[in-house]
Amino acid sequence: MRHLSFKCFFLLIIMNAWTHAATPLDIARIQQRGELIVALYYEDVPPFYMHNANNELIGVDIELARDIAEKLGVTLKFNRNSKTYDDIIKTVVNQQADIGISALSDTLERAKVVRFSTPYWSLRQALLINRLKLSSYKNNPNFKKTELLLNQQGIRIGVIKGSSYIEFAKKLFPQADIISYDSLTEGIADTKKSNNLAFLYDEVEIMNWNNLHPEDSLFLKTDFITQSIDTLAIAVRWQDTHLLSWLDLYIEKSKDNFLKKLHTTYSNSLTNN
């Protein structure tokens, strides 16, 4: 009888271990905690994350994160300590967040330390070009071909420090001098002063700036890059392979319904800007 009881006890231990092992460790970590921690940039960037009139967080990335947490059966917490977009990657790598959802570009450089999901959004890459400085190149054969004109020695192009646009600018304009700035305000101000011919960023940030500073259209011309786009994806730790597979499947199954709805809702707000 004792021998039978020992067998039953041993079998229960094996079954219990198998039950726990049935959930991959990366997803089990989140579910056992009961909370999904998402790294999010510290400032609001409409339409991806912003506060409404009731001081509630809304936006594409907020709704996406909430839906992911709901489908994982856990609550949601945002870590908003990242002062740059590269800091979001560090937050994920250092295990201070499970994932990064923050209008995050899936660059090759970042992919050296994290894994990226299938892209869930794409943006045009945009330029603010100093009109006065541009006019000084009117005799240049590439005057009407902005991307060729900018790719010359001696041309200065501003970008945000710690953003994917450093990598994009070097790829798009290898001959130009790429100048990094701590803030959008500083970079655009320097471009208005003719210290740069152009400032490169994504269409959301550029259109948000134009909406807030319509007077700048007298000094700065908006243009869009035609040869590439900025794809946004979710960052996970390189070890979290099953979580990544789950997110890829989630995006695939959501693209014709939930994600399509987000595109319809928030793309309109971009157009209205």
Protein backbone atom coordinates (compact mmCIF):
# COMPACT_ATOMS: atom_id res chain seq x y z
CA MET A 1 0.00 0.00 0.00
CA ARG A 2 2.85 2.32 0.93
CA HIS A 3 4.49 1.44 -2.38
CA LEU A 4 1.29 2.38 -4.24
CA SER A 5 0.97 5.66 -2.30
CA PHE A 6 4.56 6.54 -3.19
CA LYS A 7 3.83 5.85 -6.85
CA CYS A 8 0.75 8.10 -6.77
CA PHE A 9 2.69 10.85 -4.98
CA PHE A 10 5.50 10.60 -7.54
CA LEU A 11 2.99 10.70 -10.40
CA LEU A 12 1.37 13.85 -8.95
CA ILE A 13 4.78 15.57 -8.79
CA ILE A 14 5.46 14.70 -12.45
CA MET A 15 2.02 15.90 -13.54
CA ASN A 16 2.42 19.15 -11.61
CA ALA A 17 5.84 19.77 -13.16
CA TRP A 18 4.49 19.00 -16.64
CA THR A 19 1.58 21.42 -16.10
CA HIS A 20 3.96 24.26 -15.19
CA ALA A 21 6.30 23.36 -18.06
CA ALA A 22 3.38 23.40 -20.48
CA THR A 23 3.46 27.22 -20.41
CA PRO A 24 6.74 28.53 -21.85
CA LEU A 25 8.85 30.36 -19.28
CA ASP A 26 8.65 33.80 -20.93
CA ILE A 27 4.85 33.85 -20.98
CA ALA A 28 4.64 32.07 -17.60
CA ARG A 29 6.79 34.85 -16.08
CA ILE A 30 4.22 37.45 -17.10
CA GLN A 31 1.18 35.40 -16.11
CA GLN A 32 2.60 34.42 -12.72
CA ARG A 33 3.32 38.09 -12.01
CA GLY A 34 -0.18 38.92 -13.22
CA GLU A 35 1.10 42.01 -14.98
CA LEU A 36 2.54 42.94 -18.38
CA ILE A 37 5.18 45.68 -18.09
CA VAL A 38 5.53 47.77 -21.24
CA ALA A 39 8.35 50.24 -21.89
CA LEU A 40 6.96 53.52 -23.25
CA TYR A 41 8.71 56.79 -24.15
CA TYR A 42 8.47 59.41 -21.38
CA GLU A 43 6.81 62.13 -23.49
CA ASP A 44 3.48 61.93 -25.31
CA VAL A 45 3.69 61.39 -29.08
CA PRO A 46 0.23 61.62 -30.70
CA PRO A 47 -1.39 59.54 -32.07
CA PHE A 48 0.60 56.68 -30.52
CA TYR A 49 0.42 57.69 -26.85
CA MET A 50 -1.08 60.84 -25.39
CA HIS A 51 -3.36 62.10 -22.63
CA ASN A 52 -6.96 63.07 -23.32
CA ALA A 53 -9.01 65.80 -21.60
CA ASN A 54 -9.53 63.46 -18.63
CA ASN A 55 -5.76 62.88 -18.31
CA GLU A 56 -6.20 59.28 -19.47
CA LEU A 57 -3.61 57.61 -21.68
CA ILE A 58 -4.95 56.87 -25.16
CA GLY A 59 -3.50 56.16 -28.60
CA VAL A 60 -2.43 53.40 -30.98
CA ASP A 61 0.26 51.92 -28.73
CA ILE A 62 -1.87 52.25 -25.59
CA GLU A 63 -4.79 50.35 -27.11
CA LEU A 64 -2.40 47.77 -28.57
CA ALA A 65 -0.72 47.18 -25.20
CA ARG A 66 -4.07 46.90 -23.41
CA ASP A 67 -5.36 44.36 -25.90
CA ILE A 68 -2.18 42.26 -25.61
CA ALA A 69 -2.39 42.31 -21.80
CA GLU A 70 -6.07 41.33 -21.93
CA LYS A 71 -5.37 38.39 -24.22
CA LEU A 72 -2.56 37.24 -21.92
CA GLY A 73 -5.01 37.47 -19.00
CA VAL A 74 -3.00 40.02 -17.00
CA THR A 75 -3.11 43.69 -16.01
CA LEU A 76 -1.02 46.36 -17.71
CA LYS A 77 1.73 48.62 -16.37
CA PHE A 78 3.77 51.21 -18.29
CA ASN A 79 7.40 51.98 -17.56
CA ARG A 80 7.89 55.57 -18.81
CA ASN A 81 11.45 56.16 -17.61
CA SER A 82 13.01 56.11 -21.10
CA LYS A 83 14.32 59.52 -22.20
CA THR A 84 15.29 58.29 -25.69
CA TYR A 85 13.97 55.53 -27.94
CA ASP A 86 17.24 53.64 -27.52
CA ASP A 87 16.58 53.77 -23.77
CA ILE A 88 13.41 51.75 -24.40
CA ILE A 89 15.58 49.01 -25.90
CA LYS A 90 17.86 49.14 -22.83
CA THR A 91 14.83 48.93 -20.53
CA VAL A 92 13.75 45.68 -22.24
CA VAL A 93 17.30 44.27 -22.30
CA ASN A 94 17.78 45.07 -18.59
CA GLN A 95 14.54 43.23 -17.72
CA GLN A 96 12.79 46.37 -16.48
CA ALA A 97 9.97 45.71 -18.96
CA ASP A 98 8.63 42.63 -20.72
CA ILE A 99 8.17 44.37 -24.06
CA GLY A 100 8.66 47.75 -25.69
CA ILE A 101 5.72 49.34 -27.54
CA SER A 102 6.47 52.97 -28.29
CA ALA A 103 6.36 53.83 -32.00
CA LEU A 104 9.61 51.87 -32.01
CA SER A 105 11.53 51.48 -35.27
CA ASP A 106 12.83 47.95 -35.89
CA THR A 107 16.37 48.82 -36.97
CA LEU A 108 19.23 46.41 -37.68
CA GLU A 109 21.33 48.04 -34.96
CA ARG A 110 18.66 47.51 -32.30
CA ALA A 111 18.04 43.96 -33.52
CA LYS A 112 21.56 43.09 -32.37
CA VAL A 113 20.35 43.11 -28.75
CA VAL A 114 16.57 42.48 -28.92
CA ARG A 115 14.11 40.62 -31.13
CA PHE A 116 11.38 42.46 -33.01
CA SER A 117 7.86 41.32 -33.82
CA THR A 118 6.23 41.57 -37.20
CA PRO A 119 5.67 45.32 -37.87
CA TYR A 120 2.24 46.57 -36.83
CA TRP A 121 2.50 50.08 -38.34
CA SER A 122 4.53 52.00 -40.91
CA LEU A 123 5.38 55.68 -41.26
CA ARG A 124 6.84 57.86 -43.95
CA GLN A 125 10.19 59.45 -43.19
CA ALA A 126 9.88 63.24 -43.35
CA LEU A 127 12.11 66.26 -43.76
CA LEU A 128 11.88 69.86 -42.67
CA ILE A 129 14.03 71.80 -45.15
CA ASN A 130 15.25 75.35 -44.66
CA ARG A 131 13.67 77.32 -47.54
CA LEU A 132 16.29 80.08 -47.64
CA LYS A 133 19.24 77.70 -47.54
CA LEU A 134 17.58 75.48 -50.15
CA SER A 135 17.29 78.45 -52.54
CA SER A 136 21.07 78.80 -52.53
CA TYR A 137 21.23 75.46 -54.39
CA LYS A 138 18.86 76.52 -57.20
CA ASN A 139 21.61 76.11 -59.81
CA ASN A 140 22.46 72.61 -58.59
CA PRO A 141 21.37 69.93 -61.14
CA ASN A 142 19.67 68.04 -58.28
CA PHE A 143 17.79 71.08 -56.97
CA LYS A 144 14.39 69.44 -57.55
CA LYS A 145 15.59 66.00 -56.45
CA THR A 146 15.70 66.50 -52.70
CA GLU A 147 17.16 63.12 -51.72
CA LEU A 148 20.03 63.47 -54.21
CA LEU A 149 20.65 67.08 -53.24
CA LEU A 150 20.94 66.19 -49.56
CA ASN A 151 23.42 63.39 -50.20
CA GLN A 152 26.46 65.62 -50.71
CA GLN A 153 29.54 66.51 -48.72
CA GLY A 154 29.12 69.65 -46.68
CA ILE A 155 25.35 69.21 -46.31
CA ARG A 156 24.21 69.13 -42.67
CA ILE A 157 21.13 67.11 -41.67
CA GLY A 158 19.75 67.16 -38.14
CA VAL A 159 18.37 64.13 -36.26
CA ILE A 160 17.35 63.28 -32.69
CA LYS A 161 20.00 61.71 -30.46
CA GLY A 162 19.18 58.16 -29.37
CA SER A 163 16.64 57.69 -32.18
CA SER A 164 16.53 55.33 -35.16
CA TYR A 165 16.92 58.33 -37.43
CA ILE A 166 20.67 58.47 -36.88
CA GLU A 167 20.89 55.08 -38.58
CA PHE A 168 18.34 56.05 -41.25
CA ALA A 169 20.14 59.31 -42.06
CA LYS A 170 23.51 57.61 -42.44
CA LYS A 171 21.97 55.08 -44.79
CA LEU A 172 19.98 57.60 -46.83
CA PHE A 173 22.62 60.33 -46.95
CA PRO A 174 26.08 58.75 -46.48
CA GLN A 175 27.88 61.79 -47.94
CA ALA A 176 26.18 64.34 -45.65
CA ASP A 177 27.13 65.39 -42.12
CA ILE A 178 24.60 63.98 -39.64
CA ILE A 179 24.15 66.20 -36.58
CA SER A 180 22.47 64.79 -33.43
CA TYR A 181 20.33 66.90 -31.10
CA ASP A 182 19.02 66.27 -27.60
CA SER A 183 15.54 67.50 -28.51
CA LEU A 184 13.26 68.12 -31.45
CA THR A 185 12.99 71.78 -30.47
CA GLU A 186 16.76 72.25 -30.50
CA GLY A 187 17.21 70.45 -33.82
CA ILE A 188 14.47 72.35 -35.64
CA ALA A 189 15.62 75.68 -34.19
CA ASP A 190 19.11 75.05 -35.56
CA THR A 191 17.60 74.18 -38.94
CA LYS A 192 15.58 77.42 -38.95
CA LYS A 193 18.83 79.30 -38.29
CA SER A 194 20.24 77.72 -41.50
CA ASN A 195 22.84 75.71 -39.57
CA ASN A 196 21.32 72.63 -41.22
CA LEU A 197 19.80 72.31 -44.65
CA ALA A 198 17.27 69.80 -43.31
CA PHE A 199 15.97 67.94 -40.28
CA LEU A 200 14.95 64.28 -40.61
CA TYR A 201 12.30 62.54 -38.50
CA ASP A 202 9.13 60.48 -38.90
CA GLU A 203 5.97 61.96 -40.37
CA VAL A 204 4.14 61.89 -37.03
CA GLU A 205 6.67 64.09 -35.23
CA ILE A 206 7.05 66.43 -38.20
CA MET A 207 3.30 66.80 -38.72
CA ASN A 208 2.75 67.30 -34.97
CA TRP A 209 5.36 70.05 -35.05
CA ASN A 210 3.76 71.70 -38.09
CA ASN A 211 0.39 71.57 -36.37
CA LEU A 212 1.74 73.26 -33.24
CA HIS A 213 3.95 75.76 -35.12
CA PRO A 214 2.15 76.76 -38.36
CA GLU A 215 4.26 79.93 -38.53
CA ASP A 216 7.33 77.80 -39.25
CA SER A 217 6.01 77.01 -42.72
CA LEU A 218 7.40 80.42 -43.75
CA PHE A 219 10.92 79.15 -43.04
CA LEU A 220 10.70 75.37 -43.34
CA LYS A 221 9.40 73.21 -46.19
CA THR A 222 8.04 69.71 -45.47
CA ASP A 223 9.05 66.87 -47.78
CA PHE A 224 8.88 63.08 -47.61
CA ILE A 225 11.44 60.37 -48.36
CA THR A 226 10.31 58.17 -51.26
CA GLN A 227 12.89 55.39 -51.15
CA SER A 228 12.18 53.94 -47.69
CA ILE A 229 9.63 53.75 -44.86
CA ASP A 230 9.88 53.49 -41.09
CA THR A 231 8.32 50.26 -39.80
CA LEU A 232 7.26 50.03 -36.15
CA ALA A 233 7.38 46.81 -34.16
CA ILE A 234 7.32 45.41 -30.62
CA ALA A 235 10.67 44.74 -28.92
CA VAL A 236 11.23 41.71 -26.67
CA ARG A 237 14.30 40.23 -25.00
CA TRP A 238 16.26 38.01 -27.36
CA GLN A 239 15.66 35.07 -24.99
CA ASP A 240 11.84 35.42 -25.13
CA THR A 241 11.32 33.39 -28.28
CA HIS A 242 7.89 32.00 -27.48
CA LEU A 243 6.56 35.39 -26.44
CA LEU A 244 7.81 36.73 -29.78
CA SER A 245 6.03 33.93 -31.67
CA TRP A 246 2.85 34.69 -29.73
CA LEU A 247 3.10 38.40 -30.59
CA ASP A 248 3.71 37.63 -34.27
CA LEU A 249 0.60 35.46 -34.34
CA TYR A 250 -1.36 38.11 -32.43
CA ILE A 251 -0.42 40.77 -35.00
CA GLU A 252 -1.24 38.46 -37.91
CA LYS A 253 -4.67 37.64 -36.50
CA SER A 254 -5.38 41.28 -35.56
CA LYS A 255 -4.39 43.01 -38.79
CA ASP A 256 -7.80 42.63 -40.49
CA ASN A 257 -9.87 43.65 -37.47
CA PHE A 258 -8.38 45.25 -34.35
CA LEU A 259 -5.31 46.78 -36.05
CA LYS A 260 -7.40 47.84 -39.03
CA LYS A 261 -9.73 49.66 -36.64
CA LEU A 262 -6.76 51.42 -35.02
CA HIS A 263 -5.48 52.46 -38.46
CA THR A 264 -8.88 53.90 -39.36
CA THR A 265 -9.26 55.77 -36.06
CA TYR A 266 -5.78 57.18 -35.67
CA SER A 267 -4.75 57.64 -39.29
CA ASN A 268 -7.58 60.15 -39.50
CA SER A 269 -6.01 62.14 -36.67
CA LEU A 270 -2.72 62.18 -38.60
CA THR A 271 -4.48 63.44 -41.72
CA ASN A 272 -6.24 66.14 -39.72
CA ASN A 273 -2.89 67.38 -38.46
